[in-house]
Protein backbone atom coordinates (compact mmCIF):
# COMPACT_ATOMS: atom_id res chain seq x y z
CA UNK A 1 31.71 -0.92 13.56
CA UNK A 2 35.29 -1.90 12.62
CA UNK A 3 35.46 1.11 10.33
CA UNK A 4 34.42 3.40 13.18
CA UNK A 5 37.88 3.40 14.80
CA UNK A 6 39.40 4.97 11.70
CA UNK A 7 36.63 7.55 11.36
CA UNK A 8 36.75 8.46 15.05
CA UNK A 9 40.55 8.84 15.14
CA UNK A 10 40.60 10.96 11.98
CA UNK A 11 37.73 13.15 13.21
CA UNK A 12 39.38 13.77 16.58
CA UNK A 13 42.71 14.61 14.96
CA UNK A 14 41.12 17.04 12.48
CA UNK A 15 39.28 18.74 15.36
CA UNK A 16 42.60 19.42 17.12
CA UNK A 17 42.64 16.55 19.61
CA UNK A 18 45.76 14.40 19.46
CA UNK A 19 44.87 10.99 20.85
CA UNK A 20 47.84 8.68 21.57
CA UNK A 21 48.25 5.83 19.09
CA UNK A 22 47.52 3.17 21.69
CA UNK A 23 44.88 0.48 21.88
CA UNK A 24 41.61 1.85 23.24
CA UNK A 25 38.93 -0.55 24.45
CA UNK A 26 35.34 0.66 24.40
CA UNK A 27 32.70 -1.38 26.18
CA UNK A 28 29.44 -1.43 24.20
CA UNK A 29 27.15 -3.18 26.63
CA UNK A 30 25.19 -5.39 26.52
CA UNK A 31 27.72 -7.44 24.58
CA UNK A 32 25.25 -10.08 23.34
CA UNK A 33 23.40 -7.56 21.14
CA UNK A 34 25.04 -7.12 17.77
CA UNK A 35 25.93 -3.51 17.03
CA UNK A 36 25.22 -2.27 13.50
CA UNK A 37 25.34 1.14 11.86
CA UNK A 38 27.43 4.26 12.12
CA UNK A 39 25.41 6.07 14.79
CA UNK A 40 27.85 4.98 17.52
CA UNK A 41 30.67 7.19 16.13
CA UNK A 42 29.74 10.32 18.08
CA UNK A 43 29.27 8.68 21.51
CA UNK A 44 32.53 6.73 21.09
CA UNK A 45 34.42 9.93 20.24
CA UNK A 46 32.91 11.69 23.27
CA UNK A 47 33.83 8.75 25.50
CA UNK A 48 37.45 8.93 24.36
CA UNK A 49 37.54 12.71 24.87
CA UNK A 50 36.05 12.32 28.33
CA UNK A 51 38.66 9.72 29.26
CA UNK A 52 41.53 11.96 28.08
CA UNK A 53 40.20 15.12 29.73
CA UNK A 54 38.75 16.85 26.70
CA UNK A 55 35.34 17.35 28.35
CA UNK A 56 34.40 19.22 31.51
CA UNK A 57 31.89 16.54 32.52
CA UNK A 58 32.53 12.88 33.24
CA UNK A 59 28.88 11.83 33.00
CA UNK A 60 25.90 13.23 31.11
CA UNK A 61 22.99 11.04 32.28
CA UNK A 62 20.17 13.18 30.87
CA UNK A 63 21.40 13.28 27.25
CA UNK A 64 21.66 10.84 24.35
CA UNK A 65 24.15 11.39 21.52
CA UNK A 66 23.92 9.77 18.10
CA UNK A 67 25.63 10.50 14.79
CA UNK A 68 28.12 9.37 12.18
CA UNK A 69 31.45 11.17 12.02
CA UNK A 70 33.08 12.19 8.77
CA UNK A 71 36.87 12.33 8.59
CA UNK A 72 36.94 16.11 9.00
CA UNK A 73 34.81 16.03 12.15
CA UNK A 74 31.50 16.83 10.56
CA UNK A 75 28.34 14.92 11.48
CA UNK A 76 26.37 12.89 8.98
CA UNK A 77 22.85 11.57 9.33
CA UNK A 78 21.92 8.11 10.55
CA UNK A 79 19.00 5.78 9.94
CA UNK A 80 16.24 5.35 12.49
CA UNK A 81 16.48 8.72 14.26
CA UNK A 82 12.73 8.73 15.00
CA UNK A 83 12.65 5.28 16.67
CA UNK A 84 15.76 6.31 18.65
CA UNK A 85 13.97 9.46 19.84
CA UNK A 86 10.89 7.49 20.88
CA UNK A 87 13.05 5.01 22.81
CA UNK A 88 14.96 7.88 24.45
CA UNK A 89 11.71 9.39 25.70
CA UNK A 90 10.69 5.97 27.04
CA UNK A 91 13.98 5.79 28.98
CA UNK A 92 13.31 9.23 30.56
CA UNK A 93 16.16 10.87 28.62
CA UNK A 94 15.60 14.63 28.54
CA UNK A 95 17.89 15.76 25.70
CA UNK A 96 18.72 14.22 22.34
CA UNK A 97 21.70 15.49 20.33
CA UNK A 98 21.52 14.40 16.66
CA UNK A 99 22.99 15.44 13.31
CA UNK A 100 21.23 18.40 11.76
CA UNK A 101 19.83 16.26 8.93
CA UNK A 102 17.97 14.03 11.43
CA UNK A 103 16.71 16.81 13.70
CA UNK A 104 13.28 17.36 12.11
CA UNK A 105 12.16 13.75 12.38
CA UNK A 106 13.47 13.45 15.96
CA UNK A 107 11.65 16.68 16.91
CA UNK A 108 8.32 15.00 16.10
CA UNK A 109 8.53 13.26 19.49
CA UNK A 110 6.95 15.40 22.21
CA UNK A 111 8.48 15.57 25.67
CA UNK A 112 12.04 15.44 24.34
CA UNK A 113 14.49 18.29 23.77
CA UNK A 114 16.17 17.88 20.38
CA UNK A 115 19.41 19.72 19.57
CA UNK A 116 20.71 19.65 15.97
CA UNK A 117 24.51 19.75 15.57
CA UNK A 118 26.75 20.02 12.51
CA UNK A 119 30.12 18.86 13.82
CA UNK A 120 31.96 17.22 16.67
CA UNK A 121 33.24 20.61 17.79
CA UNK A 122 29.66 21.84 18.16
CA UNK A 123 28.91 18.93 20.48
CA UNK A 124 32.06 19.53 22.55
CA UNK A 125 31.22 23.23 23.01
CA UNK A 126 27.63 22.31 23.89
CA UNK A 127 28.80 19.90 26.61
CA UNK A 128 31.49 22.17 28.02
CA UNK A 129 29.66 25.50 27.94
CA UNK A 130 26.03 24.71 27.12
CA UNK A 131 26.12 27.28 24.31
CA UNK A 132 26.23 27.27 20.54
CA UNK A 133 23.36 24.86 19.83
CA UNK A 134 19.71 25.93 19.66
CA UNK A 135 16.91 23.55 20.51
CA UNK A 136 14.62 22.65 17.59
CA UNK A 137 10.89 22.79 18.25
CA UNK A 138 8.28 21.84 15.66
CA UNK A 139 4.49 21.53 15.60
CA UNK A 140 3.82 18.04 14.28
CA UNK A 141 0.11 18.63 13.59
CA UNK A 142 0.90 21.75 11.57
CA UNK A 143 3.58 19.93 9.56
CA UNK A 144 1.12 17.11 8.91
CA UNK A 145 -1.58 19.46 7.60
CA UNK A 146 0.92 21.33 5.41
CA UNK A 147 2.24 18.10 3.90
CA UNK A 148 -1.14 16.82 2.73
CA UNK A 149 -1.36 18.09 -0.84
CA UNK A 150 -1.62 16.21 -4.12
CA UNK A 151 -0.58 16.97 -7.68
CA UNK A 152 -3.23 14.66 -9.20
CA UNK A 153 -7.02 14.52 -8.96
CA UNK A 154 -9.85 12.25 -10.08
CA UNK A 155 -11.36 15.11 -12.09
CA UNK A 156 -8.60 14.45 -14.64
CA UNK A 157 -10.00 10.95 -15.35
CA UNK A 158 -12.59 10.90 -18.13
CA UNK A 159 -15.22 8.17 -18.15
CA UNK A 160 -14.60 4.97 -16.14
CA UNK A 161 -17.55 5.59 -13.81
CA UNK A 162 -17.73 1.90 -12.82
CA UNK A 163 -14.03 1.87 -11.96
CA UNK A 164 -14.34 5.06 -9.91
CA UNK A 165 -17.25 3.53 -8.02
CA UNK A 166 -15.19 0.41 -7.25
CA UNK A 167 -12.23 2.50 -6.08
CA UNK A 168 -14.52 4.57 -3.85
CA UNK A 169 -15.80 1.38 -2.24
CA UNK A 170 -12.25 0.03 -1.89
CA UNK A 171 -11.02 3.20 -0.16
CA UNK A 172 -14.09 3.41 2.06
CA UNK A 173 -13.52 -0.07 3.47
CA UNK A 174 -9.75 -0.46 3.01
CA UNK A 175 -10.32 -3.28 0.48
CA UNK A 176 -7.72 -4.66 -1.91
CA UNK A 177 -8.60 -4.17 -5.58
CA UNK A 178 -7.55 -5.72 -8.89
CA UNK A 179 -8.13 -3.78 -12.13
CA UNK A 180 -8.29 -5.79 -15.36
CA UNK A 181 -8.27 -4.05 -18.71
CA UNK A 182 -6.46 -3.47 -22.02
CA UNK A 183 -3.39 -1.23 -22.34
CA UNK A 184 -4.24 2.47 -22.26
CA UNK A 185 -7.55 2.06 -20.44
CA UNK A 186 -6.33 4.14 -17.48
CA UNK A 187 -5.52 1.52 -14.84
CA UNK A 188 -2.29 3.18 -13.73
CA UNK A 189 -3.86 6.64 -13.92
CA UNK A 190 -6.66 5.51 -11.61
CA UNK A 191 -4.28 3.79 -9.19
CA UNK A 192 -2.08 6.87 -8.79
CA UNK A 193 -5.12 8.84 -7.63
CA UNK A 194 -6.16 6.38 -4.92
CA UNK A 195 -4.27 8.28 -2.15
CA UNK A 196 -6.29 11.42 -2.97
CA UNK A 197 -9.50 9.75 -1.75
CA UNK A 198 -8.06 7.94 1.26
CA UNK A 199 -8.69 9.53 4.68
CA UNK A 200 -5.79 11.80 5.74
CA UNK A 201 -3.13 10.32 8.00
CA UNK A 202 -3.60 10.83 11.71
CA UNK A 203 -0.53 11.97 13.63
CA UNK A 204 -0.12 8.49 15.17
CA UNK A 205 -0.27 6.88 11.71
CA UNK A 206 2.22 9.43 10.39
CA UNK A 207 4.66 8.54 13.19
CA UNK A 208 4.25 4.81 12.48
CA UNK A 209 4.94 5.32 8.80
CA UNK A 210 7.82 7.73 9.40
CA UNK A 211 9.55 5.22 11.69
CA UNK A 212 9.60 2.62 8.93
CA UNK A 213 10.89 5.07 6.32
CA UNK A 214 13.52 6.31 8.76
CA UNK A 215 14.82 2.80 9.47
CA UNK A 216 14.89 2.04 5.74
CA UNK A 217 16.81 5.25 5.02
CA UNK A 218 14.30 6.64 2.51
CA UNK A 219 12.85 9.47 4.61
CA UNK A 220 13.01 12.98 3.17
CA UNK A 221 15.13 14.83 5.72
CA UNK A 222 13.65 18.19 4.71
CA UNK A 223 10.14 17.04 5.63
CA UNK A 224 10.95 15.10 8.78
CA UNK A 225 7.53 13.45 8.68
CA UNK A 226 5.62 11.33 6.17
CA UNK A 227 2.56 13.54 5.82
CA UNK A 228 0.73 11.72 3.02
CA UNK A 229 -0.26 8.11 2.72
CA UNK A 230 2.58 6.24 0.98
CA UNK A 231 2.13 5.09 -2.60
CA UNK A 232 4.68 2.41 -3.51
CA UNK A 233 4.82 1.00 -7.04
CA UNK A 234 7.70 -1.50 -7.35
CA UNK A 235 8.71 -2.83 -10.77
CA UNK A 236 7.77 -6.40 -11.64
CA UNK A 237 11.46 -7.40 -11.62
CA UNK A 238 11.60 -6.95 -7.82
CA UNK A 239 12.83 -9.89 -5.71
CA UNK A 240 10.91 -11.45 -2.87
CA UNK A 241 13.36 -9.91 -0.37
CA UNK A 242 12.84 -6.49 -1.96
CA UNK A 243 9.08 -6.82 -1.68
CA UNK A 244 8.75 -8.41 1.74
CA UNK A 245 12.01 -7.24 3.31
CA UNK A 246 15.16 -9.10 4.29
CA UNK A 247 18.91 -9.11 3.86
CA UNK A 248 21.69 -10.13 6.25
CA UNK A 249 20.54 -7.30 8.49
CA UNK A 250 16.76 -7.41 7.85
CA UNK A 251 15.38 -4.19 6.44
CA UNK A 252 11.79 -3.24 5.59
CA UNK A 253 10.57 -4.13 2.11
CA UNK A 254 8.04 -2.45 -0.14
CA UNK A 255 5.07 -3.91 1.75
CA UNK A 256 6.28 -2.24 4.95
CA UNK A 257 7.15 1.02 3.21
CA UNK A 258 3.51 1.03 2.01
CA UNK A 259 2.24 0.71 5.62
CA UNK A 260 -0.86 2.89 6.10
CA UNK A 261 -0.84 3.57 2.36
CA UNK A 262 -1.13 1.89 -1.04
CA UNK A 263 1.00 -0.82 -2.66
CA UNK A 264 0.45 -0.75 -6.44
CA UNK A 265 1.54 -3.77 -8.48
CA UNK A 266 1.25 -3.01 -12.19
CA UNK A 267 1.29 -5.92 -14.67
CA UNK A 268 0.55 -8.36 -11.85
CA UNK A 269 1.11 -11.62 -13.83
CA UNK A 270 4.61 -10.43 -14.79
CA UNK A 271 5.76 -10.63 -11.15
CA UNK A 272 7.50 -13.93 -10.32
CA UNK A 273 5.09 -16.33 -8.67
CA UNK A 274 7.29 -16.77 -5.60
CA UNK A 275 7.30 -12.98 -5.11
CA UNK A 276 3.51 -12.81 -5.19
CA UNK A 277 3.05 -15.74 -2.84
CA UNK A 278 5.12 -14.12 -0.05
CA UNK A 279 2.43 -11.41 0.16
CA UNK A 280 -0.09 -13.83 1.63
CA UNK A 281 0.97 -13.25 5.25
CA UNK A 282 0.99 -9.43 5.18
CA UNK A 283 -2.31 -9.34 3.29
CA UNK A 284 -3.89 -11.53 5.97
CA UNK A 285 -2.12 -10.39 9.16
CA UNK A 286 -0.90 -6.85 8.44
CA UNK A 287 2.63 -7.75 9.58
CA UNK A 288 5.78 -9.29 8.11
CA UNK A 289 7.94 -11.65 10.17
CA UNK A 290 11.48 -12.03 8.84
CA UNK A 291 13.37 -14.87 10.52
CA UNK A 292 17.13 -15.27 10.22
CA UNK A 293 19.60 -17.49 12.07
CA UNK A 294 20.78 -14.60 14.25
CA UNK A 295 17.51 -12.74 14.76
CA UNK A 296 13.82 -12.50 13.99
CA UNK A 297 12.16 -9.17 13.23
CA UNK A 298 8.54 -8.18 12.69
CA UNK A 299 7.68 -5.15 10.57
CA UNK A 300 4.18 -3.64 10.21
CA UNK A 301 2.64 -4.03 6.77
CA UNK A 302 -0.99 -2.90 6.87
CA UNK A 303 -1.58 -1.56 3.37
CA UNK A 304 -4.20 -1.41 0.66
CA UNK A 305 -3.19 -3.51 -2.34
CA UNK A 306 -4.06 -2.11 -5.77
CA UNK A 307 -3.07 -4.32 -8.69
CA UNK A 308 -3.50 -4.03 -12.45
CA UNK A 309 -3.22 -6.55 -15.25
CA UNK A 310 -4.14 -7.18 -18.86
CA UNK A 311 -6.85 -9.77 -19.60
CA UNK A 312 -4.46 -11.76 -21.81
CA UNK A 313 -0.81 -11.66 -23.01
CA UNK A 314 -1.58 -9.26 -25.86
CA UNK A 315 -3.98 -7.26 -23.68
CA UNK A 316 -6.99 -7.11 -26.00
CA UNK A 317 -9.15 -10.07 -24.96
CA UNK A 318 -12.86 -9.08 -25.27
CA UNK A 319 -11.85 -5.62 -26.55
CA UNK A 320 -14.22 -4.22 -29.18
CA UNK A 321 -11.65 -2.16 -31.06
CA UNK A 322 -8.67 -4.54 -31.25
CA UNK A 323 -8.37 -8.14 -32.33
CA UNK A 324 -6.96 -10.58 -29.78
CA UNK A 325 -4.54 -13.20 -31.17
CA UNK A 326 -4.21 -15.18 -27.94
CA UNK A 327 -5.48 -18.76 -27.81
CA UNK A 328 -7.48 -20.02 -24.81
CA UNK A 329 -4.49 -22.03 -23.49
CA UNK A 330 -2.31 -18.92 -23.70
CA UNK A 331 -4.87 -16.90 -21.75
CA UNK A 332 -5.20 -19.70 -19.20
CA UNK A 333 -1.43 -19.86 -18.66
CA UNK A 334 -1.27 -16.07 -18.34
CA UNK A 335 -4.02 -15.86 -15.72
CA UNK A 336 -2.79 -18.92 -13.83
CA UNK A 337 0.40 -17.05 -12.92
CA UNK A 338 -1.75 -15.57 -10.15
CA UNK A 339 -2.73 -18.26 -7.67
CA UNK A 340 -6.29 -18.75 -6.50
CA UNK A 341 -5.41 -18.09 -2.82
CA UNK A 342 -3.90 -14.73 -3.75
CA UNK A 343 -6.96 -13.78 -5.81
CA UNK A 344 -9.15 -14.73 -2.86
CA UNK A 345 -7.29 -12.17 -0.74
CA UNK A 346 -8.18 -9.39 -3.19
CA UNK A 347 -11.67 -8.19 -2.30
CA UNK A 348 -12.63 -6.39 -5.52
CA UNK A 349 -11.95 -7.41 -9.12
CA UNK A 350 -13.12 -4.80 -11.62
CA UNK A 351 -13.08 -4.67 -15.42
CA UNK A 352 -11.58 -1.48 -16.86
CA UNK A 353 -12.68 -1.16 -20.52
CA UNK A 354 -11.03 1.20 -22.97
CA UNK A 355 -12.41 4.75 -22.82
CA UNK A 356 -14.57 5.61 -25.82
CA UNK A 357 -14.11 8.82 -27.81
CA UNK A 358 -17.34 10.39 -26.57
CA UNK A 359 -16.27 10.17 -22.92
CA UNK A 360 -12.73 11.25 -23.76
CA UNK A 361 -13.88 14.48 -25.44
CA UNK A 362 -16.78 15.21 -23.12
CA UNK A 363 -17.02 18.81 -21.88
CA UNK A 364 -18.69 17.87 -18.59
CA UNK A 365 -16.45 18.18 -15.53
CA UNK A 366 -15.82 14.80 -13.81
CA UNK A 367 -16.25 14.54 -10.05
CA UNK A 368 -13.14 15.66 -8.20
CA UNK A 369 -11.28 13.82 -5.44
CA UNK A 370 -12.51 16.16 -2.70
CA UNK A 371 -16.16 15.20 -3.18
CA UNK A 372 -15.35 11.48 -3.29
CA UNK A 373 -13.19 11.89 -0.19
CA UNK A 374 -16.12 13.38 1.73
CA UNK A 375 -18.16 10.23 1.16
CA UNK A 376 -15.19 7.99 2.00
CA UNK A 377 -14.56 9.81 5.29
CA UNK A 378 -18.26 9.62 6.18
CA UNK A 379 -18.23 5.84 5.60
CA UNK A 380 -15.02 5.46 7.63
CA UNK A 381 -16.55 7.37 10.54
CA UNK A 382 -19.48 4.93 10.57
CA UNK A 383 -17.01 2.04 10.71
CA UNK A 384 -14.93 3.61 13.49
CA UNK A 385 -18.06 4.16 15.55
CA UNK A 386 -19.10 0.55 14.99
CA UNK A 387 -15.73 -0.87 16.06
CA UNK A 388 -15.14 1.54 18.95
CA UNK A 389 -16.85 -0.74 21.47
CA UNK A 390 -14.61 -3.74 20.81
CA UNK A 391 -11.29 -4.58 22.40
CA UNK A 392 -9.48 -4.93 19.07
CA UNK A 393 -8.42 -1.79 17.21
CA UNK A 394 -10.12 -1.96 13.82
CA UNK A 395 -10.07 0.95 11.39
CA UNK A 396 -12.08 -0.35 8.44
CA UNK A 397 -14.30 -3.18 7.27
CA UNK A 398 -11.47 -4.97 5.47
CA UNK A 399 -9.89 -5.77 8.86
CA UNK A 400 -12.97 -7.62 10.17
CA UNK A 401 -12.43 -11.19 11.34
CA UNK A 402 -15.08 -13.93 10.87
CA UNK A 403 -16.35 -13.11 14.37
CA UNK A 404 -16.91 -9.47 13.40
CA UNK A 405 -18.55 -10.50 10.13
CA UNK A 406 -21.10 -12.60 12.02
CA UNK A 407 -21.75 -9.72 14.40
CA UNK A 408 -22.03 -6.84 11.91
CA UNK A 409 -23.22 -8.49 8.66
CA UNK A 410 -26.60 -9.89 9.64
CA UNK A 411 -28.34 -11.09 6.45
CA UNK A 412 -32.02 -11.28 5.61
CA UNK A 413 -33.46 -14.45 3.95
CA UNK A 414 -33.29 -12.76 0.53
CA UNK A 415 -29.60 -11.93 1.06
CA UNK A 416 -28.93 -15.51 2.18
CA UNK A 417 -30.52 -17.00 -0.95
CA UNK A 418 -28.66 -14.60 -3.23
CA UNK A 419 -25.31 -15.31 -1.61
CA UNK A 420 -25.86 -19.08 -1.59
CA UNK A 421 -26.72 -19.10 -5.29
CA UNK A 422 -23.58 -17.10 -6.12
CA UNK A 423 -21.35 -19.35 -4.03
CA UNK A 424 -22.75 -22.47 -5.71
CA UNK A 425 -22.69 -21.21 -9.30
CA UNK A 426 -19.32 -19.46 -9.15
CA UNK A 427 -17.57 -22.05 -6.99
CA UNK A 428 -16.27 -19.38 -4.62
CA UNK A 429 -14.18 -20.26 -1.58
CA UNK A 430 -14.97 -19.59 2.08
CA UNK A 431 -12.50 -16.72 2.03
CA UNK A 432 -14.30 -15.21 -0.98
CA UNK A 433 -17.57 -15.55 0.96
CA UNK A 434 -16.14 -13.38 3.74
CA UNK A 435 -14.78 -10.86 1.24
CA UNK A 436 -18.20 -10.47 -0.36
CA UNK A 437 -19.78 -9.74 3.02
CA UNK A 438 -17.09 -7.19 3.90
CA UNK A 439 -17.55 -5.35 0.61
CA UNK A 440 -21.35 -5.45 0.98
CA UNK A 441 -21.00 -3.98 4.49
CA UNK A 442 -18.90 -1.13 3.04
CA UNK A 443 -21.45 -0.44 0.28
CA UNK A 444 -24.16 -0.23 2.94
CA UNK A 445 -22.00 2.17 4.95
CA UNK A 446 -21.56 4.40 1.89
CA UNK A 447 -25.33 4.60 1.62
CA UNK A 448 -25.63 5.22 5.36
CA UNK A 449 -28.00 2.30 5.99
CA UNK A 450 -27.63 0.05 9.08
CA UNK A 451 -28.34 -3.34 7.47
CA UNK A 452 -26.89 -5.14 4.45
CA UNK A 453 -29.52 -5.41 1.72
CA UNK A 454 -29.79 -7.71 -1.34
CA UNK A 455 -28.63 -4.92 -3.69
CA UNK A 456 -25.45 -4.54 -1.64
CA UNK A 457 -24.79 -8.28 -1.82
CA UNK A 458 -25.45 -8.25 -5.58
CA UNK A 459 -22.98 -5.45 -6.20
CA UNK A 460 -20.35 -7.12 -4.01
CA UNK A 461 -20.79 -10.41 -5.91
CA UNK A 462 -20.27 -8.53 -9.16
CA UNK A 463 -16.80 -7.57 -7.94
CA UNK A 464 -15.89 -11.27 -7.43
CA UNK A 465 -16.86 -12.74 -10.78
CA UNK A 466 -14.27 -11.28 -13.15
CA UNK A 467 -11.49 -13.66 -12.23
CA UNK A 468 -13.88 -16.60 -12.46
CA UNK A 469 -14.88 -15.47 -15.95
CA UNK A 470 -11.25 -15.57 -17.05
CA UNK A 471 -10.66 -18.92 -15.39
CA UNK A 472 -13.60 -20.34 -17.33
């Protein structure tokens, strides 16, 4: 904000307005709210011009102006144009004047007239004469449908039928998944194709996601809307603030940028332990609360976690084609970098073996993403219909609370005995018990059957035993 006075003075001078070199006091009320960012440049310049007679109007109650001024009077984009537009509509503001680079995202808000401008002179002419600036109108639903295209497909993945089945279940129920396998087995390749089998974003979800990307300053200005589910893959050297969000002025982290999408953590044990542990709250609650001395902010963080790791430091434990040189204590130390509570929050653990030559050179065409997506959407529709009668807004089985599990996962005596035996033999926690039931409910939904059966419980238990095998 201190730098604004120099930018505003230079912009006014270069636009032909000679403002006297006197002290000018601008009241930015309410005073107790800290002002951050460069979006106040344009309204401050207009206020000065209005005070010195450069504008024909003294008040413009039906319009909101936002933008950063460059020294030559041009307008640069600002962060958070979409949340500003939504707030303007809530305040009954009719017109929003924004830099041209922010116009597409602001135009996503219906019931608001958005006018893109390139310079301070454009704004002055618009106020004085009402000419020179054309309103921007966009069809959000059309933009959303046009944006949903992918460059990858599951038909490019040879073999790995078990892994594809696990990913289909994970996407159908919104479950977190951990893939364990040797280097080159296709873990990253599989993870990058997860968004292709997730249900398309609704317009409301797209607006939610776009708001976060706009505030973080990573939104593609040419698109104006996040049309595909985000896929974020931070490097394992990321800090806890980079993952969860933070800073002196708290900004969204990777978990919030992955909201309504996928957060992929490759080489999971290589992440610092403190970085992994801060994910517990967003994995459980779907939100991130960042508390600082001056303020406390809450960002949405409802994402699907996909993680990948090697079974041991060298990566070839239990591999048939390579010899593993790791000792049991080395493997134990490697696996113990991931805490038990974090593993409990990951619903599905799946082994990804190396692809054999026969599958790699097979001439048969693997199933494409479109066919898998059809089954995923059908399972999601069953879940939406099931949760539509409740007061809470649930979108998938992974979001069920213990109360919902008791209501929708009624078990037969055979299922009870099978689950009890697994809990006793594997030493699973109460949280793992709930995860098994959620996954079993999703498997039943994929088959289109109303009740959870023993085969569904058995398959869900299979996806909880891999980490216990390594711990043993």
